[in-house]
């Protein structure tokens, strides 16, 4: 899912995943969650010093990616 969200797949594989995500509630939810987390992490990356909330969000994102 992360490779698809990050646009790292070839065109054929990306289309296959996109077709599946359109019809699968679990995968569409996972994709949207991944997008939101990645967007939040990009915003936090630019802030210093790191706050406890940023560390918690990074741990949450790590758990999502590695389940």
PDB file of N, CA and C in Angstrom:
ATOM      1  N   UNK A   1       0.829  -1.189   0.000  1.00  0.00           N
ATOM      2  CA  UNK A   1       0.000   0.000   0.000  1.00  0.00           C
ATOM      3  C   UNK A   1       0.874   1.254   0.000  1.00  0.00           C
ATOM      4  N   UNK A   2       1.930   1.255   0.799  1.00  0.00           N
ATOM      5  CA  UNK A   2       2.791   2.433   0.863  1.00  0.00           C
ATOM      6  C   UNK A   2       3.451   2.721  -0.482  1.00  0.00           C
ATOM      7  N   UNK A   3       3.867   1.688  -1.175  1.00  0.00           N
ATOM      8  CA  UNK A   3       4.490   1.902  -2.489  1.00  0.00           C
ATOM      9  C   UNK A   3       3.484   2.541  -3.446  1.00  0.00           C
ATOM     10  N   UNK A   4       2.242   2.142  -3.367  1.00  0.00           N
ATOM     11  CA  UNK A   4       1.210   2.716  -4.222  1.00  0.00           C
ATOM     12  C   UNK A   4       0.947   4.173  -3.838  1.00  0.00           C
ATOM     13  N   UNK A   5       0.782   4.428  -2.534  1.00  0.00           N
ATOM     14  CA  UNK A   5       0.537   5.792  -2.055  1.00  0.00           C
ATOM     15  C   UNK A   5       1.697   6.706  -2.440  1.00  0.00           C
ATOM     16  N   UNK A   6       2.922   6.178  -2.395  1.00  0.00           N
ATOM     17  CA  UNK A   6       4.112   6.966  -2.721  1.00  0.00           C
ATOM     18  C   UNK A   6       4.420   6.990  -4.217  1.00  0.00           C
ATOM     19  N   UNK A   7       3.545   6.408  -5.042  1.00  0.00           N
ATOM     20  CA  UNK A   7       3.712   6.383  -6.506  1.00  0.00           C
ATOM     21  C   UNK A   7       5.029   5.725  -6.914  1.00  0.00           C
ATOM     22  N   UNK A   8       5.358   4.618  -6.265  1.00  0.00           N
ATOM     23  CA  UNK A   8       6.596   3.899  -6.564  1.00  0.00           C
ATOM     24  C   UNK A   8       6.387   2.666  -7.436  1.00  0.00           C
ATOM     25  N   UNK A   9       5.161   2.403  -7.857  1.00  0.00           N
ATOM     26  CA  UNK A   9       4.856   1.208  -8.651  1.00  0.00           C
ATOM     27  C   UNK A   9       4.851   1.540 -10.135  1.00  0.00           C
ATOM     28  N   UNK A  10       5.073   0.511 -10.955  1.00  0.00           N
ATOM     29  CA  UNK A  10       4.949   0.730 -12.391  1.00  0.00           C
ATOM     30  C   UNK A  10       3.473   0.952 -12.727  1.00  0.00           C
ATOM     31  N   UNK A  11       3.211   1.443 -13.919  1.00  0.00           N
ATOM     32  CA  UNK A  11       1.848   1.833 -14.288  1.00  0.00           C
ATOM     33  C   UNK A  11       0.843   0.700 -14.170  1.00  0.00           C
ATOM     34  N   UNK A  12       1.203  -0.484 -14.631  1.00  0.00           N
ATOM     35  CA  UNK A  12       0.270  -1.617 -14.602  1.00  0.00           C
ATOM     36  C   UNK A  12      -0.075  -2.001 -13.166  1.00  0.00           C
ATOM     37  N   UNK A  13       0.924  -2.076 -12.319  1.00  0.00           N
ATOM     38  CA  UNK A  13       0.684  -2.443 -10.919  1.00  0.00           C
ATOM     39  C   UNK A  13      -0.100  -1.342 -10.201  1.00  0.00           C
ATOM     40  N   UNK A  14       0.213  -0.105 -10.491  1.00  0.00           N
ATOM     41  CA  UNK A  14      -0.513   1.016  -9.873  1.00  0.00           C
ATOM     42  C   UNK A  14      -1.986   0.989 -10.265  1.00  0.00           C
ATOM     43  N   UNK A  15      -2.281   0.690 -11.526  1.00  0.00           N
ATOM     44  CA  UNK A  15      -3.686   0.589 -11.971  1.00  0.00           C
ATOM     45  C   UNK A  15      -4.400  -0.564 -11.280  1.00  0.00           C
ATOM     46  N   UNK A  16      -3.702  -1.702 -11.134  1.00  0.00           N
ATOM     47  CA  UNK A  16      -4.301  -2.863 -10.467  1.00  0.00           C
ATOM     48  C   UNK A  16      -4.647  -2.532  -9.018  1.00  0.00           C
ATOM     49  N   UNK A  17      -3.729  -1.883  -8.325  1.00  0.00           N
ATOM     50  CA  UNK A  17      -3.973  -1.509  -6.928  1.00  0.00           C
ATOM     51  C   UNK A  17      -5.087  -0.466  -6.850  1.00  0.00           C
ATOM     52  N   UNK A  18      -5.067   0.515  -7.736  1.00  0.00           N
ATOM     53  CA  UNK A  18      -6.102   1.553  -7.732  1.00  0.00           C
ATOM     54  C   UNK A  18      -7.486   0.945  -7.941  1.00  0.00           C
ATOM     55  N   UNK A  19      -7.606  -0.011  -8.853  1.00  0.00           N
ATOM     56  CA  UNK A  19      -8.883  -0.684  -9.080  1.00  0.00           C
ATOM     57  C   UNK A  19      -9.348  -1.406  -7.817  1.00  0.00           C
ATOM     58  N   UNK A  20      -8.417  -2.067  -7.152  1.00  0.00           N
ATOM     59  CA  UNK A  20      -8.766  -2.783  -5.922  1.00  0.00           C
ATOM     60  C   UNK A  20      -9.196  -1.799  -4.829  1.00  0.00           C
ATOM     61  N   UNK A  21      -8.438  -0.729  -4.655  1.00  0.00           N
ATOM     62  CA  UNK A  21      -8.720   0.241  -3.592  1.00  0.00           C
ATOM     63  C   UNK A  21     -10.091   0.882  -3.788  1.00  0.00           C
ATOM     64  N   UNK A  22     -10.487   1.094  -5.037  1.00  0.00           N
ATOM     65  CA  UNK A  22     -11.815   1.671  -5.308  1.00  0.00           C
ATOM     66  C   UNK A  22     -12.946   0.795  -4.787  1.00  0.00           C
ATOM     67  N   UNK A  23     -12.716  -0.515  -4.678  1.00  0.00           N
ATOM     68  CA  UNK A  23     -13.779  -1.432  -4.281  1.00  0.00           C
ATOM     69  C   UNK A  23     -13.597  -2.035  -2.899  1.00  0.00           C
ATOM     70  N   UNK A  24     -12.475  -1.772  -2.255  1.00  0.00           N
ATOM     71  CA  UNK A  24     -12.183  -2.395  -0.957  1.00  0.00           C
ATOM     72  C   UNK A  24     -12.159  -1.327   0.131  1.00  0.00           C
ATOM     73  N   UNK A  25     -13.126  -1.407   1.021  1.00  0.00           N
ATOM     74  CA  UNK A  25     -13.235  -0.431   2.099  1.00  0.00           C
ATOM     75  C   UNK A  25     -11.983  -0.436   2.975  1.00  0.00           C
ATOM     76  N   UNK A  26     -11.491  -1.600   3.359  1.00  0.00           N
ATOM     77  CA  UNK A  26     -10.316  -1.687   4.227  1.00  0.00           C
ATOM     78  C   UNK A  26      -9.090  -1.053   3.570  1.00  0.00           C
ATOM     79  N   UNK A  27      -8.859  -1.358   2.316  1.00  0.00           N
ATOM     80  CA  UNK A  27      -7.684  -0.825   1.633  1.00  0.00           C
ATOM     81  C   UNK A  27      -7.819   0.667   1.342  1.00  0.00           C
ATOM     82  N   UNK A  28      -9.011   1.124   1.016  1.00  0.00           N
ATOM     83  CA  UNK A  28      -9.178   2.562   0.786  1.00  0.00           C
ATOM     84  C   UNK A  28      -8.973   3.329   2.088  1.00  0.00           C
ATOM     85  N   UNK A  29      -9.418   2.769   3.203  1.00  0.00           N
ATOM     86  CA  UNK A  29      -9.182   3.402   4.503  1.00  0.00           C
ATOM     87  C   UNK A  29      -7.696   3.412   4.839  1.00  0.00           C
ATOM     88  N   UNK A  30      -7.020   2.303   4.585  1.00  0.00           N
ATOM     89  CA  UNK A  30      -5.583   2.216   4.852  1.00  0.00           C
ATOM     90  C   UNK A  30      -4.812   3.212   3.988  1.00  0.00           C
ATOM     91  N   UNK A  31      -5.199   3.344   2.738  1.00  0.00           N
ATOM     92  CA  UNK A  31      -4.523   4.282   1.844  1.00  0.00           C
ATOM     93  C   UNK A  31      -4.727   5.716   2.312  1.00  0.00           C
ATOM     94  N   UNK A  32      -5.933   6.059   2.684  1.00  0.00           N
ATOM     95  CA  UNK A  32      -6.196   7.420   3.148  1.00  0.00           C
ATOM     96  C   UNK A  32      -5.459   7.704   4.448  1.00  0.00           C
ATOM     97  N   UNK A  33      -5.425   6.741   5.346  1.00  0.00           N
ATOM     98  CA  UNK A  33      -4.680   6.908   6.598  1.00  0.00           C
ATOM     99  C   UNK A  33      -3.202   7.121   6.302  1.00  0.00           C
ATOM    100  N   UNK A  34      -2.650   6.325   5.395  1.00  0.00           N
ATOM    101  CA  UNK A  34      -1.233   6.472   5.033  1.00  0.00           C
ATOM    102  C   UNK A  34      -0.966   7.855   4.456  1.00  0.00           C
ATOM    103  N   UNK A  35      -1.854   8.336   3.595  1.00  0.00           N
ATOM    104  CA  UNK A  35      -1.680   9.677   3.013  1.00  0.00           C
ATOM    105  C   UNK A  35      -1.682  10.758   4.094  1.00  0.00           C
ATOM    106  N   UNK A  36      -2.640  10.654   5.010  1.00  0.00           N
ATOM    107  CA  UNK A  36      -2.741  11.661   6.070  1.00  0.00           C
ATOM    108  C   UNK A  36      -1.527  11.636   6.984  1.00  0.00           C
ATOM    109  N   UNK A  37      -1.080  10.443   7.353  1.00  0.00           N
ATOM    110  CA  UNK A  37       0.086  10.324   8.227  1.00  0.00           C
ATOM    111  C   UNK A  37       1.322  10.877   7.530  1.00  0.00           C
ATOM    112  N   UNK A  38       1.515  10.510   6.276  1.00  0.00           N
ATOM    113  CA  UNK A  38       2.691  10.986   5.529  1.00  0.00           C
ATOM    114  C   UNK A  38       2.667  12.506   5.400  1.00  0.00           C
ATOM    115  N   UNK A  39       1.498  13.066   5.137  1.00  0.00           N
ATOM    116  CA  UNK A  39       1.373  14.524   5.028  1.00  0.00           C
ATOM    117  C   UNK A  39       1.720  15.182   6.371  1.00  0.00           C
ATOM    118  N   UNK A  40       1.211  14.616   7.449  1.00  0.00           N
ATOM    119  CA  UNK A  40       1.510  15.157   8.778  1.00  0.00           C
ATOM    120  C   UNK A  40       2.992  15.059   9.096  1.00  0.00           C
ATOM    121  N   UNK A  41       3.599  13.939   8.745  1.00  0.00           N
ATOM    122  CA  UNK A  41       5.028  13.765   9.011  1.00  0.00           C
ATOM    123  C   UNK A  41       5.869  14.758   8.211  1.00  0.00           C
ATOM    124  N   UNK A  42       5.472  15.033   6.976  1.00  0.00           N
ATOM    125  CA  UNK A  42       6.211  16.016   6.170  1.00  0.00           C
ATOM    126  C   UNK A  42       6.163  17.392   6.832  1.00  0.00           C
ATOM    127  N   UNK A  43       4.988  17.753   7.366  1.00  0.00           N
ATOM    128  CA  UNK A  43       4.862  19.052   8.040  1.00  0.00           C
ATOM    129  C   UNK A  43       5.704  19.090   9.312  1.00  0.00           C
ATOM    130  N   UNK A  44       5.700  17.998  10.060  1.00  0.00           N
ATOM    131  CA  UNK A  44       6.450  17.946  11.318  1.00  0.00           C
ATOM    132  C   UNK A  44       7.953  17.951  11.085  1.00  0.00           C
ATOM    133  N   UNK A  45       8.395  17.370   9.991  1.00  0.00           N
ATOM    134  CA  UNK A  45       9.821  17.270   9.693  1.00  0.00           C
ATOM    135  C   UNK A  45      10.468  18.651   9.644  1.00  0.00           C
ATOM    136  N   UNK A  46       9.708  19.637   9.214  1.00  0.00           N
ATOM    137  CA  UNK A  46      10.249  20.980   9.067  1.00  0.00           C
ATOM    138  C   UNK A  46      10.286  21.763  10.379  1.00  0.00           C
ATOM    139  N   UNK A  47       9.696  21.197  11.426  1.00  0.00           N
ATOM    140  CA  UNK A  47       9.668  21.887  12.712  1.00  0.00           C
ATOM    141  C   UNK A  47      10.784  21.384  13.615  1.00  0.00           C
ATOM    142  N   UNK A  48      11.351  22.286  14.374  1.00  0.00           N
ATOM    143  CA  UNK A  48      12.357  21.946  15.381  1.00  0.00           C
ATOM    144  C   UNK A  48      12.039  22.736  16.634  1.00  0.00           C
ATOM    145  N   UNK A  49      12.275  22.278  17.798  1.00  0.00           N
ATOM    146  CA  UNK A  49      12.712  20.918  18.093  1.00  0.00           C
ATOM    147  C   UNK A  49      11.547  19.946  17.996  1.00  0.00           C
ATOM    148  N   UNK A  50      11.882  18.674  17.897  1.00  0.00           N
ATOM    149  CA  UNK A  50      10.829  17.659  17.822  1.00  0.00           C
ATOM    150  C   UNK A  50      10.069  17.635  19.131  1.00  0.00           C
ATOM    151  N   UNK A  51       8.809  17.559  19.008  1.00  0.00           N
ATOM    152  CA  UNK A  51       7.950  17.530  20.184  1.00  0.00           C
ATOM    153  C   UNK A  51       7.500  16.099  20.434  1.00  0.00           C
ATOM    154  N   UNK A  52       7.065  15.824  21.663  1.00  0.00           N
ATOM    155  CA  UNK A  52       6.563  14.469  21.957  1.00  0.00           C
ATOM    156  C   UNK A  52       5.447  14.037  21.004  1.00  0.00           C
ATOM    157  N   UNK A  53       4.601  14.966  20.583  1.00  0.00           N
ATOM    158  CA  UNK A  53       3.517  14.614  19.659  1.00  0.00           C
ATOM    159  C   UNK A  53       4.076  14.127  18.331  1.00  0.00           C
ATOM    160  N   UNK A  54       5.141  14.744  17.860  1.00  0.00           N
ATOM    161  CA  UNK A  54       5.760  14.329  16.600  1.00  0.00           C
ATOM    162  C   UNK A  54       6.331  12.926  16.736  1.00  0.00           C
ATOM    163  N   UNK A  55       6.966  12.648  17.853  1.00  0.00           N
ATOM    164  CA  UNK A  55       7.521  11.311  18.076  1.00  0.00           C
ATOM    165  C   UNK A  55       6.404  10.276  18.129  1.00  0.00           C
ATOM    166  N   UNK A  56       5.292  10.606  18.778  1.00  0.00           N
ATOM    167  CA  UNK A  56       4.160   9.663  18.829  1.00  0.00           C
ATOM    168  C   UNK A  56       3.600   9.415  17.434  1.00  0.00           C
ATOM    169  N   UNK A  57       3.479  10.451  16.631  1.00  0.00           N
ATOM    170  CA  UNK A  57       2.963  10.294  15.271  1.00  0.00           C
ATOM    171  C   UNK A  57       3.905   9.435  14.433  1.00  0.00           C
ATOM    172  N   UNK A  58       5.196   9.632  14.581  1.00  0.00           N
ATOM    173  CA  UNK A  58       6.160   8.806  13.844  1.00  0.00           C
ATOM    174  C   UNK A  58       6.056   7.344  14.257  1.00  0.00           C
ATOM    175  N   UNK A  59       5.907   7.076  15.556  1.00  0.00           N
ATOM    176  CA  UNK A  59       5.744   5.681  16.008  1.00  0.00           C
ATOM    177  C   UNK A  59       4.471   5.074  15.438  1.00  0.00           C
ATOM    178  N   UNK A  60       3.380   5.860  15.420  1.00  0.00           N
ATOM    179  CA  UNK A  60       2.123   5.382  14.862  1.00  0.00           C
ATOM    180  C   UNK A  60       2.276   5.051  13.385  1.00  0.00           C
ATOM    181  N   UNK A  61       2.937   5.936  12.652  1.00  0.00           N
ATOM    182  CA  UNK A  61       3.148   5.694  11.220  1.00  0.00           C
ATOM    183  C   UNK A  61       3.993   4.462  11.006  1.00  0.00           C
ATOM    184  N   UNK A  62       5.014   4.286  11.808  1.00  0.00           N
ATOM    185  CA  UNK A  62       5.882   3.112  11.688  1.00  0.00           C
ATOM    186  C   UNK A  62       5.078   1.831  11.912  1.00  0.00           C
ATOM    187  N   UNK A  63       4.203   1.836  12.910  1.00  0.00           N
ATOM    188  CA  UNK A  63       3.377   0.653  13.170  1.00  0.00           C
ATOM    189  C   UNK A  63       2.424   0.374  12.019  1.00  0.00           C
ATOM    190  N   UNK A  64       1.875   1.424  11.404  1.00  0.00           N
ATOM    191  CA  UNK A  64       0.972   1.221  10.264  1.00  0.00           C
ATOM    192  C   UNK A  64       1.698   0.570   9.097  1.00  0.00           C
ATOM    193  N   UNK A  65       2.904   1.027   8.852  1.00  0.00           N
ATOM    194  CA  UNK A  65       3.669   0.540   7.708  1.00  0.00           C
ATOM    195  C   UNK A  65       4.136  -0.889   7.930  1.00  0.00           C
ATOM    196  N   UNK A  66       4.443  -1.248   9.157  1.00  0.00           N
ATOM    197  CA  UNK A  66       5.069  -2.540   9.434  1.00  0.00           C
ATOM    198  C   UNK A  66       4.128  -3.541  10.095  1.00  0.00           C
ATOM    199  N   UNK A  67       2.844  -3.468   9.823  1.00  0.00           N
ATOM    200  CA  UNK A  67       1.973  -4.504  10.378  1.00  0.00           C
ATOM    201  C   UNK A  67       1.798  -5.642   9.424  1.00  0.00           C
TER     202      UNK A  67
END
